[in-house]
Amino acid sequence: MLRLHHFAAIACLQGALLLGNLPALGQTSAALPEAISPSLEGIVDLADTDMHVGVGYLSPRRQAGTSASWLSEVELPLYSQPGGEHWGWIWQGWLIPNGQQAFAIGRDASFTMVSVDPQLLAFPVLEAREDGWLQMQYTNGGSAWIHRDQLDDRGVELSFHSWEDRLAEADILNLRSDRDTQVLRSQPERGRNVLSLVSPSSLIEPLEVQDNWIRVRITRPANGCEPLAGASEQEGWLQWKDINGKVLMLPSRDECAG
């Protein structure tokens, strides 16, 4: 498994970041590989796990292929820390540490991404700073820093989206765990305000986000996106993020969502 500190000792570091004066990609490798689409077999979708998915995600500004195929058009510089040294690239389906061999994403190394709709995998962002720096996760335990000002410099244009905004815009939400239930409350706070329990099989439609809470319309019983005969609706508040910042629900990946 690739991690940032594994490359620290071997990367040919390029000096402090000067936005707009980026090292040329040709300086990072003796021969650049041809663009490829990543292999999905080597990509772990964090939506299928109980692992943290960060504060948001990085994805194409406009739809550029499906699933993770958009990575074949990306030319993204990576840094060791905010304002720190440039150490490599994600370039057209490859991870290229400065001065080292290129690693084919999903083929030579396992990468982590997260589903953000039925047709798109994105990179989780662990931290989004006010000065424009984003900490992007690319493996389980491995991350690098990128800057918003360079998301549209080369290749496909990228954008950062917070989970708060994405959940508010989604058509349908899913609880992340198929085994857990959530408490639907009459107010966005814990207390004696329990309305009912919401199971993962419920149809959950977002209405409004307020801090760590989201007001939803619950329809049950339901089969995926479709209410079953005799289904009823109930509105209330669910916690979309816990006190440790862990996201508890994600946009539905069902094809009928959206």
C-alpha atoms as a PDB file:
ATOM      1  CA  MET A   1       0.000   0.000   0.000  1.00  0.00           C
ATOM      2  CA  LEU A   2       1.378   3.392  -0.987  1.00  0.00           C
ATOM      3  CA  ARG A   3       1.620   6.117   1.651  1.00  0.00           C
ATOM      4  CA  LEU A   4       2.988   9.618   1.515  1.00  0.00           C
ATOM      5  CA  HIS A   5       5.797   8.986   4.009  1.00  0.00           C
ATOM      6  CA  HIS A   6       7.023   6.083   1.848  1.00  0.00           C
ATOM      7  CA  PHE A   7       7.869   8.575  -0.875  1.00  0.00           C
ATOM      8  CA  ALA A   8       9.325  11.278   1.380  1.00  0.00           C
ATOM      9  CA  ALA A   9      12.802   9.782   1.407  1.00  0.00           C
ATOM     10  CA  ILE A  10      12.942   9.005  -2.307  1.00  0.00           C
ATOM     11  CA  ALA A  11      11.104  11.883  -3.959  1.00  0.00           C
ATOM     12  CA  CYS A  12      13.129  14.574  -5.672  1.00  0.00           C
ATOM     13  CA  LEU A  13      11.440  17.487  -3.958  1.00  0.00           C
ATOM     14  CA  GLN A  14      10.976  20.616  -6.028  1.00  0.00           C
ATOM     15  CA  GLY A  15      11.085  23.352  -3.364  1.00  0.00           C
ATOM     16  CA  ALA A  16       8.396  25.538  -1.827  1.00  0.00           C
ATOM     17  CA  LEU A  17       5.124  26.002  -3.661  1.00  0.00           C
ATOM     18  CA  LEU A  18       4.810  29.038  -5.893  1.00  0.00           C
ATOM     19  CA  LEU A  19       1.309  28.949  -7.329  1.00  0.00           C
ATOM     20  CA  GLY A  20       1.514  29.632 -11.024  1.00  0.00           C
ATOM     21  CA  ASN A  21       5.168  28.463 -11.143  1.00  0.00           C
ATOM     22  CA  LEU A  22       4.581  24.730 -11.036  1.00  0.00           C
ATOM     23  CA  PRO A  23       7.407  22.283 -11.868  1.00  0.00           C
ATOM     24  CA  ALA A  24       7.024  20.890 -15.362  1.00  0.00           C
ATOM     25  CA  LEU A  25       5.519  17.422 -15.462  1.00  0.00           C
ATOM     26  CA  GLY A  26       8.332  16.185 -17.661  1.00  0.00           C
ATOM     27  CA  GLN A  27      10.747  16.815 -14.773  1.00  0.00           C
ATOM     28  CA  THR A  28       9.013  14.216 -12.588  1.00  0.00           C
ATOM     29  CA  SER A  29       9.714  11.140 -14.689  1.00  0.00           C
ATOM     30  CA  ALA A  30      12.128  10.126 -17.407  1.00  0.00           C
ATOM     31  CA  ALA A  31       9.313   8.880 -19.642  1.00  0.00           C
ATOM     32  CA  LEU A  32       5.645   9.662 -19.173  1.00  0.00           C
ATOM     33  CA  PRO A  33       3.287   6.696 -19.579  1.00  0.00           C
ATOM     34  CA  GLU A  34       0.292   6.749 -21.861  1.00  0.00           C
ATOM     35  CA  ALA A  35      -3.036   7.772 -20.363  1.00  0.00           C
ATOM     36  CA  ILE A  36      -5.115   4.889 -18.957  1.00  0.00           C
ATOM     37  CA  SER A  37      -8.435   4.378 -17.228  1.00  0.00           C
ATOM     38  CA  PRO A  38      -7.974   3.014 -13.693  1.00  0.00           C
ATOM     39  CA  SER A  39      -8.939  -0.570 -12.926  1.00  0.00           C
ATOM     40  CA  LEU A  40     -11.994  -0.646 -10.661  1.00  0.00           C
ATOM     41  CA  GLU A  41     -10.812  -3.942  -9.189  1.00  0.00           C
ATOM     42  CA  GLY A  42      -8.066  -2.054  -7.376  1.00  0.00           C
ATOM     43  CA  ILE A  43     -10.232   0.815  -6.112  1.00  0.00           C
ATOM     44  CA  VAL A  44     -11.871   0.556  -2.685  1.00  0.00           C
ATOM     45  CA  ASP A  45     -15.181   2.423  -2.535  1.00  0.00           C
ATOM     46  CA  LEU A  46     -15.408   3.909   0.956  1.00  0.00           C
ATOM     47  CA  ALA A  47     -19.193   4.026   0.579  1.00  0.00           C
ATOM     48  CA  ASP A  48     -19.084   0.235   1.047  1.00  0.00           C
ATOM     49  CA  THR A  49     -17.154   0.520   4.323  1.00  0.00           C
ATOM     50  CA  ASP A  50     -17.568   2.176   7.708  1.00  0.00           C
ATOM     51  CA  MET A  51     -14.404   4.242   7.216  1.00  0.00           C
ATOM     52  CA  HIS A  52     -14.348   8.037   7.379  1.00  0.00           C
ATOM     53  CA  VAL A  53     -15.036   9.805   4.087  1.00  0.00           C
ATOM     54  CA  GLY A  54     -13.725  13.186   5.238  1.00  0.00           C
ATOM     55  CA  VAL A  55     -15.403  16.577   4.907  1.00  0.00           C
ATOM     56  CA  GLY A  56     -16.153  16.366   1.186  1.00  0.00           C
ATOM     57  CA  TYR A  57     -14.770  15.128  -2.093  1.00  0.00           C
ATOM     58  CA  LEU A  58     -12.944  16.095  -5.278  1.00  0.00           C
ATOM     59  CA  SER A  59     -14.635  15.345  -8.604  1.00  0.00           C
ATOM     60  CA  PRO A  60     -14.854  16.640 -12.193  1.00  0.00           C
ATOM     61  CA  ARG A  61     -16.531  20.029 -12.563  1.00  0.00           C
ATOM     62  CA  ARG A  62     -18.402  18.585 -15.526  1.00  0.00           C
ATOM     63  CA  GLN A  63     -19.167  14.947 -16.104  1.00  0.00           C
ATOM     64  CA  ALA A  64     -16.083  13.401 -17.718  1.00  0.00           C
ATOM     65  CA  GLY A  65     -16.838   9.735 -18.260  1.00  0.00           C
ATOM     66  CA  THR A  66     -18.281   7.374 -15.701  1.00  0.00           C
ATOM     67  CA  SER A  67     -17.078   5.835 -12.476  1.00  0.00           C
ATOM     68  CA  ALA A  68     -13.323   6.567 -12.194  1.00  0.00           C
ATOM     69  CA  SER A  69     -12.591   6.903 -15.931  1.00  0.00           C
ATOM     70  CA  TRP A  70     -12.240  10.699 -15.509  1.00  0.00           C
ATOM     71  CA  LEU A  71      -8.847  10.069 -13.891  1.00  0.00           C
ATOM     72  CA  SER A  72      -7.461   9.357 -17.365  1.00  0.00           C
ATOM     73  CA  GLU A  73      -7.760  13.110 -18.050  1.00  0.00           C
ATOM     74  CA  VAL A  74      -6.453  14.472 -14.734  1.00  0.00           C
ATOM     75  CA  GLU A  75      -3.125  16.288 -14.335  1.00  0.00           C
ATOM     76  CA  LEU A  76      -3.034  17.197 -10.645  1.00  0.00           C
ATOM     77  CA  PRO A  77       0.079  18.350  -8.707  1.00  0.00           C
ATOM     78  CA  LEU A  78       0.508  16.915  -5.199  1.00  0.00           C
ATOM     79  CA  TYR A  79       2.285  18.486  -2.211  1.00  0.00           C
ATOM     80  CA  SER A  80       3.686  17.131   1.033  1.00  0.00           C
ATOM     81  CA  GLN A  81       1.917  19.731   3.189  1.00  0.00           C
ATOM     82  CA  PRO A  82       0.111  23.087   2.830  1.00  0.00           C
ATOM     83  CA  GLY A  83       2.585  25.491   1.233  1.00  0.00           C
ATOM     84  CA  GLY A  84       5.154  22.709   1.261  1.00  0.00           C
ATOM     85  CA  GLU A  85       7.216  20.830  -1.292  1.00  0.00           C
ATOM     86  CA  HIS A  86       5.866  19.463  -4.544  1.00  0.00           C
ATOM     87  CA  TRP A  87       6.416  15.688  -4.543  1.00  0.00           C
ATOM     88  CA  GLY A  88       4.469  14.248  -7.441  1.00  0.00           C
ATOM     89  CA  TRP A  89       1.407  14.062  -9.659  1.00  0.00           C
ATOM     90  CA  ILE A  90      -1.787  12.238 -10.321  1.00  0.00           C
ATOM     91  CA  TRP A  91      -1.494  12.239 -14.088  1.00  0.00           C
ATOM     92  CA  GLN A  92      -3.836  10.595 -16.598  1.00  0.00           C
ATOM     93  CA  GLY A  93      -4.552   7.489 -14.532  1.00  0.00           C
ATOM     94  CA  TRP A  94      -1.121   7.268 -12.872  1.00  0.00           C
ATOM     95  CA  LEU A  95       0.455   8.260  -9.558  1.00  0.00           C
ATOM     96  CA  ILE A  96       3.905   9.668 -10.361  1.00  0.00           C
ATOM     97  CA  PRO A  97       6.206  10.514  -7.408  1.00  0.00           C
ATOM     98  CA  ASN A  98       8.982  12.872  -8.478  1.00  0.00           C
ATOM     99  CA  GLY A  99      11.949  10.982  -9.879  1.00  0.00           C
ATOM    100  CA  GLN A 100      10.313   7.577  -9.446  1.00  0.00           C
ATOM    101  CA  GLN A 101       8.408   5.040 -11.493  1.00  0.00           C
ATOM    102  CA  ALA A 102       4.741   5.643 -12.247  1.00  0.00           C
ATOM    103  CA  PHE A 103       2.098   3.566 -10.479  1.00  0.00           C
ATOM    104  CA  ALA A 104      -1.072   2.686 -12.419  1.00  0.00           C
ATOM    105  CA  ILE A 105      -4.071   3.628 -10.259  1.00  0.00           C
ATOM    106  CA  GLY A 106      -6.041   0.523  -9.325  1.00  0.00           C
ATOM    107  CA  ARG A 107      -3.518  -1.758 -11.042  1.00  0.00           C
ATOM    108  CA  ASP A 108      -0.096  -1.320  -9.452  1.00  0.00           C
ATOM    109  CA  ALA A 109      -1.551   0.102  -6.247  1.00  0.00           C
ATOM    110  CA  SER A 110      -4.885  -0.008  -4.450  1.00  0.00           C
ATOM    111  CA  PHE A 111      -6.593   3.385  -4.207  1.00  0.00           C
ATOM    112  CA  THR A 112      -9.527   4.617  -2.122  1.00  0.00           C
ATOM    113  CA  MET A 113     -12.378   6.660  -3.575  1.00  0.00           C
ATOM    114  CA  VAL A 114     -16.031   7.203  -2.686  1.00  0.00           C
ATOM    115  CA  SER A 115     -19.267   6.982  -4.680  1.00  0.00           C
ATOM    116  CA  VAL A 116     -21.046  10.337  -4.854  1.00  0.00           C
ATOM    117  CA  ASP A 117     -23.786   9.310  -7.279  1.00  0.00           C
ATOM    118  CA  PRO A 118     -24.694   6.146  -9.227  1.00  0.00           C
ATOM    119  CA  GLN A 119     -22.140   6.905 -11.959  1.00  0.00           C
ATOM    120  CA  LEU A 120     -19.228   8.663 -10.250  1.00  0.00           C
ATOM    121  CA  LEU A 121     -16.329   7.866  -7.933  1.00  0.00           C
ATOM    122  CA  ALA A 122     -14.474  10.790  -6.334  1.00  0.00           C
ATOM    123  CA  PHE A 123     -11.478  11.361  -4.071  1.00  0.00           C
ATOM    124  CA  PRO A 124     -12.368  11.961  -0.396  1.00  0.00           C
ATOM    125  CA  VAL A 125     -11.099  15.241   1.055  1.00  0.00           C
ATOM    126  CA  LEU A 126     -10.065  14.910   4.706  1.00  0.00           C
ATOM    127  CA  GLU A 127      -9.548  18.622   5.430  1.00  0.00           C
ATOM    128  CA  ALA A 128     -10.489  21.827   3.609  1.00  0.00           C
ATOM    129  CA  ARG A 129      -8.607  24.910   4.780  1.00  0.00           C
ATOM    130  CA  GLU A 130      -9.722  28.507   4.341  1.00  0.00           C
ATOM    131  CA  ASP A 131      -6.477  29.327   2.520  1.00  0.00           C
ATOM    132  CA  GLY A 132      -7.434  26.981  -0.308  1.00  0.00           C
ATOM    133  CA  TRP A 133      -5.477  23.869   0.656  1.00  0.00           C
ATOM    134  CA  LEU A 134      -7.256  20.507   0.491  1.00  0.00           C
ATOM    135  CA  GLN A 135      -6.000  17.249   1.990  1.00  0.00           C
ATOM    136  CA  MET A 136      -6.977  14.536  -0.482  1.00  0.00           C
ATOM    137  CA  GLN A 137      -7.030  10.861   0.485  1.00  0.00           C
ATOM    138  CA  TYR A 138      -5.855   8.406  -2.165  1.00  0.00           C
ATOM    139  CA  THR A 139      -5.169   5.220  -0.162  1.00  0.00           C
ATOM    140  CA  ASN A 140      -6.245   3.872   3.205  1.00  0.00           C
ATOM    141  CA  GLY A 141      -3.960   5.988   5.400  1.00  0.00           C
ATOM    142  CA  GLY A 142      -2.287   7.836   2.524  1.00  0.00           C
ATOM    143  CA  SER A 143      -3.023  11.445   1.570  1.00  0.00           C
ATOM    144  CA  ALA A 144      -1.492  14.464  -0.140  1.00  0.00           C
ATOM    145  CA  TRP A 145      -2.252  18.183  -0.347  1.00  0.00           C
ATOM    146  CA  ILE A 146      -3.567  20.074  -3.337  1.00  0.00           C
ATOM    147  CA  HIS A 147      -4.601  23.704  -3.824  1.00  0.00           C
ATOM    148  CA  ARG A 148      -7.914  24.961  -5.182  1.00  0.00           C
ATOM    149  CA  ASP A 149      -6.128  27.398  -7.506  1.00  0.00           C
ATOM    150  CA  GLN A 150      -4.643  24.464  -9.416  1.00  0.00           C
ATOM    151  CA  LEU A 151      -7.781  22.371  -9.843  1.00  0.00           C
ATOM    152  CA  ASP A 152      -8.377  23.773 -13.328  1.00  0.00           C
ATOM    153  CA  ASP A 153      -4.794  24.422 -14.479  1.00  0.00           C
ATOM    154  CA  ARG A 154      -4.375  21.222 -16.480  1.00  0.00           C
ATOM    155  CA  GLY A 155      -6.511  18.394 -17.827  1.00  0.00           C
ATOM    156  CA  VAL A 156     -10.086  17.929 -16.672  1.00  0.00           C
ATOM    157  CA  GLU A 157     -11.332  20.713 -14.373  1.00  0.00           C
ATOM    158  CA  LEU A 158     -12.022  19.602 -10.794  1.00  0.00           C
ATOM    159  CA  SER A 159     -14.121  20.998  -7.955  1.00  0.00           C
ATOM    160  CA  PHE A 160     -14.330  20.475  -4.208  1.00  0.00           C
ATOM    161  CA  HIS A 161     -17.765  19.710  -2.767  1.00  0.00           C
ATOM    162  CA  SER A 162     -18.574  19.530   0.932  1.00  0.00           C
ATOM    163  CA  TRP A 163     -20.724  16.649   2.158  1.00  0.00           C
ATOM    164  CA  GLU A 164     -23.098  19.161   3.716  1.00  0.00           C
ATOM    165  CA  ASP A 165     -23.820  20.711   0.312  1.00  0.00           C
ATOM    166  CA  ARG A 166     -23.933  17.366  -1.521  1.00  0.00           C
ATOM    167  CA  LEU A 167     -26.405  15.812   0.907  1.00  0.00           C
ATOM    168  CA  ALA A 168     -28.664  18.867   0.721  1.00  0.00           C
ATOM    169  CA  GLU A 169     -28.725  18.639  -3.101  1.00  0.00           C
ATOM    170  CA  ALA A 170     -29.223  14.877  -3.352  1.00  0.00           C
ATOM    171  CA  ASP A 171     -32.553  13.391  -4.385  1.00  0.00           C
ATOM    172  CA  ILE A 172     -32.333  10.382  -2.078  1.00  0.00           C
ATOM    173  CA  LEU A 173     -30.025   9.487   0.812  1.00  0.00           C
ATOM    174  CA  ASN A 174     -28.880   6.133   2.177  1.00  0.00           C
ATOM    175  CA  LEU A 175     -27.708   5.276   5.667  1.00  0.00           C
ATOM    176  CA  ARG A 176     -24.140   4.057   5.337  1.00  0.00           C
ATOM    177  CA  SER A 177     -24.648   0.857   7.314  1.00  0.00           C
ATOM    178  CA  ASP A 178     -27.193  -1.777   6.299  1.00  0.00           C
ATOM    179  CA  ARG A 179     -27.228  -2.990   9.896  1.00  0.00           C
ATOM    180  CA  ASP A 180     -27.890   0.242  11.770  1.00  0.00           C
ATOM    181  CA  THR A 181     -30.966   2.341  12.353  1.00  0.00           C
ATOM    182  CA  GLN A 182     -31.155   6.068  13.029  1.00  0.00           C
ATOM    183  CA  VAL A 183     -33.404   7.980  15.391  1.00  0.00           C
ATOM    184  CA  LEU A 184     -35.784  10.410  13.706  1.00  0.00           C
ATOM    185  CA  ARG A 185     -36.329  13.432  15.940  1.00  0.00           C
ATOM    186  CA  SER A 186     -38.754  16.336  15.960  1.00  0.00           C
ATOM    187  CA  GLN A 187     -35.935  18.851  16.515  1.00  0.00           C
ATOM    188  CA  PRO A 188     -32.253  18.965  15.406  1.00  0.00           C
ATOM    189  CA  GLU A 189     -30.948  17.991  18.829  1.00  0.00           C
ATOM    190  CA  ARG A 190     -30.783  15.054  21.185  1.00  0.00           C
ATOM    191  CA  GLY A 191     -33.458  14.873  23.868  1.00  0.00           C
ATOM    192  CA  ARG A 192     -36.960  13.630  24.486  1.00  0.00           C
ATOM    193  CA  ASN A 193     -37.981  14.297  20.911  1.00  0.00           C
ATOM    194  CA  VAL A 194     -37.923  10.815  19.348  1.00  0.00           C
ATOM    195  CA  LEU A 195     -40.439  10.304  16.562  1.00  0.00           C
ATOM    196  CA  SER A 196     -39.431   6.857  15.304  1.00  0.00           C
ATOM    197  CA  LEU A 197     -36.548   4.666  14.180  1.00  0.00           C
ATOM    198  CA  VAL A 198     -35.393   4.801  10.564  1.00  0.00           C
ATOM    199  CA  SER A 199     -34.084   1.607   8.992  1.00  0.00           C
ATOM    200  CA  PRO A 200     -31.693   1.432   6.008  1.00  0.00           C
ATOM    201  CA  SER A 201     -34.569   0.171   3.836  1.00  0.00           C
ATOM    202  CA  SER A 202     -36.490   3.448   4.269  1.00  0.00           C
ATOM    203  CA  LEU A 203     -36.748   5.991   1.461  1.00  0.00           C
ATOM    204  CA  ILE A 204     -34.987   9.129   2.742  1.00  0.00           C
ATOM    205  CA  GLU A 205     -35.408  12.476   0.969  1.00  0.00           C
ATOM    206  CA  PRO A 206     -33.376  15.508   2.183  1.00  0.00           C
ATOM    207  CA  LEU A 207     -35.218  18.757   2.888  1.00  0.00           C
ATOM    208  CA  GLU A 208     -32.834  20.986   4.850  1.00  0.00           C
ATOM    209  CA  VAL A 209     -29.386  20.810   6.471  1.00  0.00           C
ATOM    210  CA  GLN A 210     -28.635  22.479   9.783  1.00  0.00           C
ATOM    211  CA  ASP A 211     -25.181  21.920  11.276  1.00  0.00           C
ATOM    212  CA  ASN A 212     -24.811  18.158  11.923  1.00  0.00           C
ATOM    213  CA  TRP A 213     -28.503  17.528  11.323  1.00  0.00           C
ATOM    214  CA  ILE A 214     -30.625  17.105   8.216  1.00  0.00           C
ATOM    215  CA  ARG A 215     -34.400  17.417   7.984  1.00  0.00           C
ATOM    216  CA  VAL A 216     -35.792  14.603   5.896  1.00  0.00           C
ATOM    217  CA  ARG A 217     -38.981  13.049   4.576  1.00  0.00           C
ATOM    218  CA  ILE A 218     -39.152   9.333   5.363  1.00  0.00           C
ATOM    219  CA  THR A 219     -41.285   6.997   3.269  1.00  0.00           C
ATOM    220  CA  ARG A 220     -41.843   3.402   4.410  1.00  0.00           C
ATOM    221  CA  PRO A 221     -42.158   0.662   3.529  1.00  0.00           C
ATOM    222  CA  ALA A 222     -40.125   1.096   0.359  1.00  0.00           C
ATOM    223  CA  ASN A 223     -38.158  -1.018  -2.076  1.00  0.00           C
ATOM    224  CA  GLY A 224     -35.120   0.994  -3.093  1.00  0.00           C
ATOM    225  CA  CYS A 225     -36.443   4.255  -4.491  1.00  0.00           C
ATOM    226  CA  GLU A 226     -40.052   3.063  -4.799  1.00  0.00           C
ATOM    227  CA  PRO A 227     -42.668   3.304  -2.022  1.00  0.00           C
ATOM    228  CA  LEU A 228     -44.591   0.078  -1.499  1.00  0.00           C
ATOM    229  CA  ALA A 229     -48.367  -0.219  -1.267  1.00  0.00           C
ATOM    230  CA  GLY A 230     -49.702   1.415   1.873  1.00  0.00           C
ATOM    231  CA  ALA A 231     -46.516   3.436   2.457  1.00  0.00           C
ATOM    232  CA  SER A 232     -46.696   6.463   4.754  1.00  0.00           C
ATOM    233  CA  GLU A 233     -44.548   9.577   5.085  1.00  0.00           C
ATOM    234  CA  GLN A 234     -43.042  11.234   8.132  1.00  0.00           C
ATOM    235  CA  GLU A 235     -40.785  14.281   8.426  1.00  0.00           C
ATOM    236  CA  GLY A 236     -38.163  14.925  11.068  1.00  0.00           C
ATOM    237  CA  TRP A 237     -34.450  15.326  11.739  1.00  0.00           C
ATOM    238  CA  LEU A 238     -31.620  12.816  11.375  1.00  0.00           C
ATOM    239  CA  GLN A 239     -27.986  13.227  12.360  1.00  0.00           C
ATOM    240  CA  TRP A 240     -25.906  13.139   9.160  1.00  0.00           C
ATOM    241  CA  LYS A 241     -22.563  13.582  10.955  1.00  0.00           C
ATOM    242  CA  ASP A 242     -21.544  12.386  14.435  1.00  0.00           C
ATOM    243  CA  ILE A 243     -19.573  14.306  17.064  1.00  0.00           C
ATOM    244  CA  ASN A 244     -16.307  12.934  15.644  1.00  0.00           C
ATOM    245  CA  GLY A 245     -17.101  14.256  12.163  1.00  0.00           C
ATOM    246  CA  LYS A 246     -17.926  10.859  10.676  1.00  0.00           C
ATOM    247  CA  VAL A 247     -20.494  11.041   7.868  1.00  0.00           C
ATOM    248  CA  LEU A 248     -23.434   8.730   8.645  1.00  0.00           C
ATOM    249  CA  MET A 249     -25.264   8.874   5.304  1.00  0.00           C
ATOM    250  CA  LEU A 250     -24.409   9.363   1.645  1.00  0.00           C
ATOM    251  CA  PRO A 251     -26.275  10.137  -1.596  1.00  0.00           C
ATOM    252  CA  SER A 252     -28.060   7.055  -2.881  1.00  0.00           C
ATOM    253  CA  ARG A 253     -26.281   4.975  -5.515  1.00  0.00           C
ATOM    254  CA  ASP A 254     -29.533   3.504  -6.777  1.00  0.00           C
ATOM    255  CA  GLU A 255     -29.989   4.156 -10.493  1.00  0.00           C
ATOM    256  CA  CYS A 256     -33.409   5.719  -9.890  1.00  0.00           C
ATOM    257  CA  ALA A 257     -31.835   8.472  -7.726  1.00  0.00           C
ATOM    258  CA  GLY A 258     -31.214  11.650  -9.683  1.00  0.00           C
END
